[in-house]
PDB file of N, CA and C in Angstrom:
ATOM      1  N   MET A   1       0.848  -1.183   0.000  1.00  0.00           N
ATOM      2  CA  MET A   1       0.000   0.000   0.000  1.00  0.00           C
ATOM      3  C   MET A   1       0.892   1.245   0.000  1.00  0.00           C
ATOM      4  N   LEU A   2       0.552   2.206  -0.807  1.00  0.00           N
ATOM      5  CA  LEU A   2       1.303   3.453  -0.875  1.00  0.00           C
ATOM      6  C   LEU A   2       0.858   4.397   0.231  1.00  0.00           C
ATOM      7  N   PRO A   3       1.784   5.192   0.748  1.00  0.00           N
ATOM      8  CA  PRO A   3       1.393   6.168   1.773  1.00  0.00           C
ATOM      9  C   PRO A   3       0.473   7.232   1.174  1.00  0.00           C
ATOM     10  N   SER A   4      -0.383   7.781   1.985  1.00  0.00           N
ATOM     11  CA  SER A   4      -1.264   8.854   1.535  1.00  0.00           C
ATOM     12  C   SER A   4      -0.437  10.102   1.235  1.00  0.00           C
ATOM     13  N   ASP A   5      -1.055  11.039   0.543  1.00  0.00           N
ATOM     14  CA  ASP A   5      -0.363  12.302   0.260  1.00  0.00           C
ATOM     15  C   ASP A   5       0.056  12.993   1.559  1.00  0.00           C
ATOM     16  N   GLU A   6      -0.827  12.941   2.551  1.00  0.00           N
ATOM     17  CA  GLU A   6      -0.512  13.569   3.837  1.00  0.00           C
ATOM     18  C   GLU A   6       0.688  12.878   4.495  1.00  0.00           C
ATOM     19  N   ALA A   7       0.733  11.549   4.440  1.00  0.00           N
ATOM     20  CA  ALA A   7       1.852  10.812   5.025  1.00  0.00           C
ATOM     21  C   ALA A   7       3.148  11.120   4.282  1.00  0.00           C
ATOM     22  N   ARG A   8       3.083  11.243   2.969  1.00  0.00           N
ATOM     23  CA  ARG A   8       4.280  11.588   2.187  1.00  0.00           C
ATOM     24  C   ARG A   8       4.787  12.974   2.547  1.00  0.00           C
ATOM     25  N   ARG A   9       3.873  13.926   2.661  1.00  0.00           N
ATOM     26  CA  ARG A   9       4.282  15.290   3.039  1.00  0.00           C
ATOM     27  C   ARG A   9       4.891  15.316   4.432  1.00  0.00           C
ATOM     28  N   SER A  10       4.299  14.565   5.343  1.00  0.00           N
ATOM     29  CA  SER A  10       4.814  14.503   6.707  1.00  0.00           C
ATOM     30  C   SER A  10       6.208  13.893   6.733  1.00  0.00           C
ATOM     31  N   LEU A  11       6.406  12.816   5.991  1.00  0.00           N
ATOM     32  CA  LEU A  11       7.713  12.173   5.922  1.00  0.00           C
ATOM     33  C   LEU A  11       8.737  13.112   5.308  1.00  0.00           C
ATOM     34  N   SER A  12       8.365  13.786   4.245  1.00  0.00           N
ATOM     35  CA  SER A  12       9.266  14.734   3.595  1.00  0.00           C
ATOM     36  C   SER A  12       9.652  15.864   4.549  1.00  0.00           C
ATOM     37  N   ALA A  13       8.677  16.374   5.289  1.00  0.00           N
ATOM     38  CA  ALA A  13       8.941  17.453   6.240  1.00  0.00           C
ATOM     39  C   ALA A  13       9.843  16.971   7.378  1.00  0.00           C
ATOM     40  N   THR A  14       9.622  15.740   7.832  1.00  0.00           N
ATOM     41  CA  THR A  14      10.455  15.173   8.899  1.00  0.00           C
ATOM     42  C   THR A  14      11.902  15.065   8.454  1.00  0.00           C
ATOM     43  N   LEU A  15      12.115  14.542   7.250  1.00  0.00           N
ATOM     44  CA  LEU A  15      13.474  14.397   6.734  1.00  0.00           C
ATOM     45  C   LEU A  15      14.123  15.760   6.497  1.00  0.00           C
ATOM     46  N   ALA A  16      13.359  16.712   5.970  1.00  0.00           N
ATOM     47  CA  ALA A  16      13.898  18.052   5.725  1.00  0.00           C
ATOM     48  C   ALA A  16      14.280  18.734   7.036  1.00  0.00           C
ATOM     49  N   SER A  17      13.446  18.581   8.046  1.00  0.00           N
ATOM     50  CA  SER A  17      13.735  19.179   9.350  1.00  0.00           C
ATOM     51  C   SER A  17      15.025  18.608   9.934  1.00  0.00           C
ATOM     52  N   GLY A  18      15.179  17.298   9.833  1.00  0.00           N
ATOM     53  CA  GLY A  18      16.400  16.663  10.324  1.00  0.00           C
ATOM     54  C   GLY A  18      17.629  17.162   9.594  1.00  0.00           C
ATOM     55  N   ARG A  19      17.515  17.318   8.285  1.00  0.00           N
ATOM     56  CA  ARG A  19      18.653  17.807   7.505  1.00  0.00           C
ATOM     57  C   ARG A  19      19.015  19.237   7.896  1.00  0.00           C
ATOM     58  N   LEU A  20      18.010  20.063   8.149  1.00  0.00           N
ATOM     59  CA  LEU A  20      18.286  21.433   8.572  1.00  0.00           C
ATOM     60  C   LEU A  20      19.007  21.470   9.916  1.00  0.00           C
ATOM     61  N   GLU A  21      18.787  20.433  10.719  1.00  0.00           N
ATOM     62  CA  GLU A  21      19.452  20.345  12.018  1.00  0.00           C
ATOM     63  C   GLU A  21      20.793  19.624  11.929  1.00  0.00           C
ATOM     64  N   GLY A  22      21.208  19.299  10.699  1.00  0.00           N
ATOM     65  CA  GLY A  22      22.516  18.682  10.506  1.00  0.00           C
ATOM     66  C   GLY A  22      22.533  17.171  10.548  1.00  0.00           C
ATOM     67  N   MET A  23      21.362  16.538  10.568  1.00  0.00           N
ATOM     68  CA  MET A  23      21.295  15.085  10.602  1.00  0.00           C
ATOM     69  C   MET A  23      21.050  14.548   9.194  1.00  0.00           C
ATOM     70  N   GLU A  24      21.784  13.539   8.829  1.00  0.00           N
ATOM     71  CA  GLU A  24      21.595  12.900   7.526  1.00  0.00           C
ATOM     72  C   GLU A  24      21.159  11.463   7.783  1.00  0.00           C
ATOM     73  N   PRO A  25      19.889  11.149   7.503  1.00  0.00           N
ATOM     74  CA  PRO A  25      19.406   9.798   7.784  1.00  0.00           C
ATOM     75  C   PRO A  25      20.066   8.766   6.866  1.00  0.00           C
ATOM     76  N   ASP A  26      20.331   7.590   7.424  1.00  0.00           N
ATOM     77  CA  ASP A  26      20.872   6.525   6.576  1.00  0.00           C
ATOM     78  C   ASP A  26      19.711   5.813   5.880  1.00  0.00           C
ATOM     79  N   ARG A  27      20.058   4.955   4.960  1.00  0.00           N
ATOM     80  CA  ARG A  27      19.047   4.264   4.157  1.00  0.00           C
ATOM     81  C   ARG A  27      18.082   3.453   5.034  1.00  0.00           C
ATOM     82  N   GLU A  28      18.608   2.798   6.060  1.00  0.00           N
ATOM     83  CA  GLU A  28      17.769   1.975   6.926  1.00  0.00           C
ATOM     84  C   GLU A  28      16.701   2.806   7.634  1.00  0.00           C
ATOM     85  N   LEU A  29      17.069   4.005   8.069  1.00  0.00           N
ATOM     86  CA  LEU A  29      16.092   4.870   8.728  1.00  0.00           C
ATOM     87  C   LEU A  29      15.012   5.309   7.751  1.00  0.00           C
ATOM     88  N   VAL A  30      15.399   5.688   6.549  1.00  0.00           N
ATOM     89  CA  VAL A  30      14.414   6.110   5.551  1.00  0.00           C
ATOM     90  C   VAL A  30      13.466   4.959   5.224  1.00  0.00           C
ATOM     91  N   VAL A  31      14.005   3.755   5.056  1.00  0.00           N
ATOM     92  CA  VAL A  31      13.170   2.583   4.775  1.00  0.00           C
ATOM     93  C   VAL A  31      12.191   2.353   5.926  1.00  0.00           C
ATOM     94  N   ALA A  32      12.661   2.480   7.170  1.00  0.00           N
ATOM     95  CA  ALA A  32      11.802   2.287   8.331  1.00  0.00           C
ATOM     96  C   ALA A  32      10.702   3.350   8.388  1.00  0.00           C
ATOM     97  N   LEU A  33      11.047   4.587   8.088  1.00  0.00           N
ATOM     98  CA  LEU A  33      10.049   5.662   8.095  1.00  0.00           C
ATOM     99  C   LEU A  33       9.007   5.474   6.994  1.00  0.00           C
ATOM    100  N   VAL A  34       9.436   5.015   5.835  1.00  0.00           N
ATOM    101  CA  VAL A  34       8.493   4.748   4.745  1.00  0.00           C
ATOM    102  C   VAL A  34       7.554   3.611   5.135  1.00  0.00           C
ATOM    103  N   ALA A  35       8.093   2.571   5.784  1.00  0.00           N
ATOM    104  CA  ALA A  35       7.252   1.455   6.239  1.00  0.00           C
ATOM    105  C   ALA A  35       6.186   1.954   7.222  1.00  0.00           C
ATOM    106  N   GLN A  36       6.577   2.867   8.084  1.00  0.00           N
ATOM    107  CA  GLN A  36       5.595   3.423   9.034  1.00  0.00           C
ATOM    108  C   GLN A  36       4.563   4.266   8.299  1.00  0.00           C
ATOM    109  N   ALA A  37       4.997   5.044   7.317  1.00  0.00           N
ATOM    110  CA  ALA A  37       4.063   5.875   6.547  1.00  0.00           C
ATOM    111  C   ALA A  37       3.080   5.014   5.761  1.00  0.00           C
ATOM    112  N   ARG A  38       3.517   3.837   5.339  1.00  0.00           N
ATOM    113  CA  ARG A  38       2.645   2.912   4.602  1.00  0.00           C
ATOM    114  C   ARG A  38       1.700   2.148   5.520  1.00  0.00           C
ATOM    115  N   GLY A  39       1.919   2.243   6.809  1.00  0.00           N
ATOM    116  CA  GLY A  39       1.081   1.518   7.756  1.00  0.00           C
ATOM    117  C   GLY A  39       1.546   0.093   8.002  1.00  0.00           C
ATOM    118  N   GLU A  40       2.759  -0.229   7.573  1.00  0.00           N
ATOM    119  CA  GLU A  40       3.297  -1.578   7.754  1.00  0.00           C
ATOM    120  C   GLU A  40       3.751  -1.816   9.183  1.00  0.00           C
ATOM    121  N   VAL A  41       4.127  -0.760   9.882  1.00  0.00           N
ATOM    122  CA  VAL A  41       4.481  -0.823  11.300  1.00  0.00           C
ATOM    123  C   VAL A  41       3.867   0.394  11.983  1.00  0.00           C
ATOM    124  N   THR A  42       3.595   0.252  13.264  1.00  0.00           N
ATOM    125  CA  THR A  42       3.059   1.390  14.013  1.00  0.00           C
ATOM    126  C   THR A  42       4.199   2.309  14.432  1.00  0.00           C
ATOM    127  N   ALA A  43       3.854   3.499  14.856  1.00  0.00           N
ATOM    128  CA  ALA A  43       4.865   4.443  15.346  1.00  0.00           C
ATOM    129  C   ALA A  43       5.572   3.852  16.563  1.00  0.00           C
ATOM    130  N   ASP A  44       4.826   3.178  17.441  1.00  0.00           N
ATOM    131  CA  ASP A  44       5.435   2.564  18.632  1.00  0.00           C
ATOM    132  C   ASP A  44       6.427   1.470  18.235  1.00  0.00           C
ATOM    133  N   GLU A  45       6.071   0.659  17.234  1.00  0.00           N
ATOM    134  CA  GLU A  45       6.981  -0.387  16.761  1.00  0.00           C
ATOM    135  C   GLU A  45       8.238   0.224  16.153  1.00  0.00           C
ATOM    136  N   LEU A  46       8.067   1.312  15.421  1.00  0.00           N
ATOM    137  CA  LEU A  46       9.207   1.988  14.810  1.00  0.00           C
ATOM    138  C   LEU A  46      10.150   2.535  15.879  1.00  0.00           C
ATOM    139  N   VAL A  47       9.591   3.191  16.874  1.00  0.00           N
ATOM    140  CA  VAL A  47      10.415   3.747  17.950  1.00  0.00           C
ATOM    141  C   VAL A  47      11.145   2.629  18.691  1.00  0.00           C
ATOM    142  N   ALA A  48      10.450   1.535  19.002  1.00  0.00           N
ATOM    143  CA  ALA A  48      11.082   0.416  19.703  1.00  0.00           C
ATOM    144  C   ALA A  48      12.233  -0.153  18.880  1.00  0.00           C
ATOM    145  N   ARG A  49      12.027  -0.269  17.591  1.00  0.00           N
ATOM    146  CA  ARG A  49      13.077  -0.793  16.704  1.00  0.00           C
ATOM    147  C   ARG A  49      14.283   0.139  16.679  1.00  0.00           C
ATOM    148  N   LEU A  50      14.035   1.430  16.553  1.00  0.00           N
ATOM    149  CA  LEU A  50      15.136   2.393  16.493  1.00  0.00           C
ATOM    150  C   LEU A  50      15.901   2.452  17.809  1.00  0.00           C
ATOM    151  N   VAL A  51      15.190   2.379  18.921  1.00  0.00           N
ATOM    152  CA  VAL A  51      15.849   2.383  20.231  1.00  0.00           C
ATOM    153  C   VAL A  51      16.706   1.128  20.380  1.00  0.00           C
ATOM    154  N   ALA A  52      16.174  -0.015  19.976  1.00  0.00           N
ATOM    155  CA  ALA A  52      16.932  -1.268  20.068  1.00  0.00           C
ATOM    156  C   ALA A  52      18.185  -1.203  19.203  1.00  0.00           C
ATOM    157  N   GLU A  53      18.055  -0.678  17.981  1.00  0.00           N
ATOM    158  CA  GLU A  53      19.210  -0.554  17.099  1.00  0.00           C
ATOM    159  C   GLU A  53      20.237   0.414  17.669  1.00  0.00           C
ATOM    160  N   ALA A  54      19.790   1.512  18.253  1.00  0.00           N
ATOM    161  CA  ALA A  54      20.706   2.492  18.832  1.00  0.00           C
ATOM    162  C   ALA A  54      21.435   1.901  20.025  1.00  0.00           C
ATOM    163  N   SER A  55      20.766   1.084  20.801  1.00  0.00           N
ATOM    164  CA  SER A  55      21.386   0.462  21.968  1.00  0.00           C
ATOM    165  C   SER A  55      22.504  -0.481  21.554  1.00  0.00           C
ATOM    166  N   VAL A  56      22.309  -1.187  20.453  1.00  0.00           N
ATOM    167  CA  VAL A  56      23.330  -2.116  19.953  1.00  0.00           C
ATOM    168  C   VAL A  56      24.459  -1.342  19.292  1.00  0.00           C
ATOM    169  N   ALA A  57      24.119  -0.297  18.557  1.00  0.00           N
ATOM    170  CA  ALA A  57      25.112   0.461  17.789  1.00  0.00           C
ATOM    171  C   ALA A  57      25.990   1.342  18.669  1.00  0.00           C
ATOM    172  N   ALA A  58      25.453   1.840  19.766  1.00  0.00           N
ATOM    173  CA  ALA A  58      26.213   2.784  20.591  1.00  0.00           C
ATOM    174  C   ALA A  58      26.081   2.433  22.068  1.00  0.00           C
ATOM    175  N   PRO A  59      26.805   1.395  22.514  1.00  0.00           N
ATOM    176  CA  PRO A  59      26.709   1.044  23.940  1.00  0.00           C
ATOM    177  C   PRO A  59      27.247   2.172  24.818  1.00  0.00           C
ATOM    178  N   VAL A  60      26.679   2.289  25.993  1.00  0.00           N
ATOM    179  CA  VAL A  60      27.090   3.326  26.942  1.00  0.00           C
ATOM    180  C   VAL A  60      28.300   2.812  27.724  1.00  0.00           C
ATOM    181  N   GLU A  61      29.329   3.626  27.821  1.00  0.00           N
ATOM    182  CA  GLU A  61      30.527   3.240  28.557  1.00  0.00           C
ATOM    183  C   GLU A  61      30.212   3.062  30.034  1.00  0.00           C
ATOM    184  N   GLY A  62      30.856   2.096  30.644  1.00  0.00           N
ATOM    185  CA  GLY A  62      30.691   1.872  32.068  1.00  0.00           C
ATOM    186  C   GLY A  62      29.540   0.964  32.434  1.00  0.00           C
ATOM    187  N   LEU A  63      28.793   0.494  31.448  1.00  0.00           N
ATOM    188  CA  LEU A  63      27.676  -0.404  31.756  1.00  0.00           C
ATOM    189  C   LEU A  63      28.003  -1.817  31.399  1.00  0.00           C
TER     190      LEU A  63
END
C-alpha cells in the first residue's frame, strides 16, 4: 500500500527538518520511516526498533 499524500508530506517534512538540524538519515532509517508511513508498522513499533538498534550500535561506557 502506498502512503497517503498527507503521510508523504509529513515524511518529507520530517526528513527536511532533520537535515536542517545537521542530521543525515541513513538508508535503513528512511526505509523504516516509509514502512511506518505505509502503515506496515506502528509508530510505537518503529520507535522500539530504532531504540533497540541504537542500543546495539552505541553502547554506553561503564555499563
